[in-house]
N, C-alpha and C. Protein backbone atom coordinates (compact mmCIF):
# COMPACT_ATOMS: atom_id res chain seq x y z
N UNK A 1 0.86 -1.16 0.00
CA UNK A 1 0.00 0.00 0.00
C UNK A 1 0.91 1.23 0.00
N UNK A 2 0.61 2.19 -0.84
CA UNK A 2 1.40 3.43 -0.83
C UNK A 2 1.31 4.11 0.54
N UNK A 3 2.41 4.73 0.94
CA UNK A 3 2.48 5.35 2.26
C UNK A 3 1.42 6.43 2.46
N UNK A 4 1.16 7.22 1.44
CA UNK A 4 0.13 8.26 1.60
C UNK A 4 -1.24 7.65 1.84
N UNK A 5 -1.53 6.53 1.21
CA UNK A 5 -2.81 5.84 1.45
C UNK A 5 -2.86 5.29 2.87
N UNK A 6 -1.76 4.73 3.32
CA UNK A 6 -1.71 4.18 4.67
C UNK A 6 -1.90 5.28 5.71
N UNK A 7 -1.31 6.44 5.46
CA UNK A 7 -1.47 7.55 6.40
C UNK A 7 -2.90 8.07 6.43
N UNK A 8 -3.54 8.13 5.27
CA UNK A 8 -4.95 8.55 5.24
C UNK A 8 -5.82 7.55 6.00
N UNK A 9 -5.53 6.28 5.81
CA UNK A 9 -6.30 5.25 6.51
C UNK A 9 -6.10 5.38 8.02
N UNK A 10 -4.86 5.59 8.45
CA UNK A 10 -4.58 5.74 9.87
C UNK A 10 -5.32 6.94 10.44
N UNK A 11 -5.37 8.02 9.69
CA UNK A 11 -6.03 9.23 10.17
C UNK A 11 -7.54 9.07 10.31
N UNK A 12 -8.12 8.10 9.63
CA UNK A 12 -9.57 7.89 9.72
C UNK A 12 -9.95 6.81 10.74
N UNK A 13 -8.98 6.04 11.21
CA UNK A 13 -9.25 4.97 12.17
C UNK A 13 -8.78 5.39 13.57
N UNK A 14 -9.71 5.66 14.47
CA UNK A 14 -9.32 6.08 15.82
C UNK A 14 -8.43 5.02 16.49
N UNK A 15 -7.44 5.47 17.22
CA UNK A 15 -6.55 4.60 18.00
C UNK A 15 -5.72 3.65 17.13
N UNK A 16 -5.62 3.92 15.84
CA UNK A 16 -4.84 3.03 14.98
C UNK A 16 -3.37 3.36 15.08
N UNK A 17 -2.56 2.42 14.65
CA UNK A 17 -1.11 2.60 14.61
C UNK A 17 -0.65 2.34 13.19
N UNK A 18 0.28 3.15 12.76
CA UNK A 18 0.92 2.92 11.47
C UNK A 18 2.37 2.57 11.76
N UNK A 19 2.76 1.39 11.38
CA UNK A 19 4.14 0.94 11.57
C UNK A 19 4.79 0.89 10.20
N UNK A 20 5.85 1.66 10.04
CA UNK A 20 6.59 1.67 8.78
C UNK A 20 7.81 0.78 8.96
N UNK A 21 7.86 -0.29 8.20
CA UNK A 21 8.93 -1.27 8.31
C UNK A 21 10.07 -0.91 7.37
N UNK A 22 11.27 -0.68 7.91
CA UNK A 22 12.41 -0.39 7.03
C UNK A 22 12.62 -1.53 6.03
N UNK A 23 12.87 -1.17 4.80
CA UNK A 23 13.09 -2.15 3.72
C UNK A 23 11.89 -3.06 3.52
N UNK A 24 10.72 -2.63 3.96
CA UNK A 24 9.52 -3.44 3.80
C UNK A 24 8.96 -3.28 2.40
N UNK A 25 8.58 -4.37 1.83
CA UNK A 25 7.93 -4.36 0.53
C UNK A 25 6.52 -4.87 0.70
N UNK A 26 6.12 -5.73 -0.20
CA UNK A 26 4.76 -6.27 -0.17
C UNK A 26 4.57 -7.25 0.99
N UNK A 27 5.63 -7.94 1.36
CA UNK A 27 5.53 -8.99 2.38
C UNK A 27 6.51 -8.67 3.52
N UNK A 28 6.06 -7.81 4.44
CA UNK A 28 6.94 -7.28 5.48
C UNK A 28 7.56 -8.35 6.35
N UNK A 29 6.82 -9.38 6.66
CA UNK A 29 7.37 -10.42 7.54
C UNK A 29 8.51 -11.19 6.89
N UNK A 30 8.60 -11.16 5.57
CA UNK A 30 9.70 -11.80 4.85
C UNK A 30 10.81 -10.79 4.58
N UNK A 31 10.43 -9.57 4.18
CA UNK A 31 11.41 -8.55 3.81
C UNK A 31 12.25 -8.08 5.00
N UNK A 32 11.65 -7.95 6.16
CA UNK A 32 12.36 -7.50 7.35
C UNK A 32 11.72 -8.18 8.56
N UNK A 33 12.02 -9.48 8.75
CA UNK A 33 11.34 -10.22 9.82
C UNK A 33 11.60 -9.68 11.22
N UNK A 34 12.79 -9.16 11.47
CA UNK A 34 13.07 -8.64 12.82
C UNK A 34 12.17 -7.46 13.16
N UNK A 35 12.06 -6.51 12.24
CA UNK A 35 11.21 -5.34 12.48
C UNK A 35 9.74 -5.75 12.57
N UNK A 36 9.33 -6.68 11.72
CA UNK A 36 7.94 -7.15 11.74
C UNK A 36 7.60 -7.78 13.09
N UNK A 37 8.44 -8.70 13.55
CA UNK A 37 8.14 -9.39 14.80
C UNK A 37 8.27 -8.47 16.01
N UNK A 38 9.13 -7.46 15.92
CA UNK A 38 9.22 -6.48 17.01
C UNK A 38 7.92 -5.70 17.13
N UNK A 39 7.37 -5.23 16.00
CA UNK A 39 6.12 -4.48 16.06
C UNK A 39 4.95 -5.38 16.42
N UNK A 40 4.94 -6.61 15.93
CA UNK A 40 3.89 -7.56 16.28
C UNK A 40 3.93 -7.89 17.78
N UNK A 41 5.12 -8.11 18.30
CA UNK A 41 5.27 -8.42 19.72
C UNK A 41 4.80 -7.26 20.59
N UNK A 42 5.11 -6.03 20.18
CA UNK A 42 4.66 -4.84 20.91
C UNK A 42 3.14 -4.78 20.93
N UNK A 43 2.51 -5.01 19.79
CA UNK A 43 1.05 -5.00 19.71
C UNK A 43 0.45 -6.07 20.62
N UNK A 44 0.96 -7.29 20.54
CA UNK A 44 0.42 -8.38 21.35
C UNK A 44 0.62 -8.12 22.84
N UNK A 45 1.76 -7.54 23.20
CA UNK A 45 2.01 -7.22 24.61
C UNK A 45 1.03 -6.16 25.10
N UNK A 46 0.78 -5.16 24.27
CA UNK A 46 -0.19 -4.12 24.65
C UNK A 46 -1.59 -4.70 24.82
N UNK A 47 -1.97 -5.63 23.97
CA UNK A 47 -3.27 -6.29 24.10
C UNK A 47 -3.32 -7.07 25.41
N UNK A 48 -2.26 -7.83 25.67
CA UNK A 48 -2.22 -8.64 26.89
C UNK A 48 -2.24 -7.77 28.14
N UNK A 49 -1.52 -6.64 28.10
CA UNK A 49 -1.47 -5.73 29.25
C UNK A 49 -2.75 -4.91 29.42
N UNK A 50 -3.58 -4.90 28.40
CA UNK A 50 -4.80 -4.10 28.45
C UNK A 50 -4.58 -2.64 28.13
N UNK A 51 -3.42 -2.32 27.54
CA UNK A 51 -3.11 -0.92 27.22
C UNK A 51 -3.42 -0.57 25.77
N UNK A 52 -3.79 -1.55 24.97
CA UNK A 52 -4.13 -1.29 23.57
C UNK A 52 -5.54 -0.75 23.50
N UNK A 53 -5.70 0.38 22.80
CA UNK A 53 -7.03 0.94 22.58
C UNK A 53 -7.42 0.62 21.14
N UNK A 54 -8.32 -0.31 20.97
CA UNK A 54 -8.74 -0.71 19.64
C UNK A 54 -9.53 0.35 18.93
N UNK A 55 -9.58 0.20 17.62
CA UNK A 55 -10.33 1.16 16.78
C UNK A 55 -11.81 0.96 16.96
């Protein structure tokens, strides 16, 4: 998804997060697995802790 489209989407979804993965292409978990799993782990931890505010 083009970055400008992703930013517009984030701006319309309350409490959303936009994570930009360095060197990320179409398949972020393959292109940069370390960055992908770091952001995924942060999200899951926030859900588990009850600090994530869903859209």
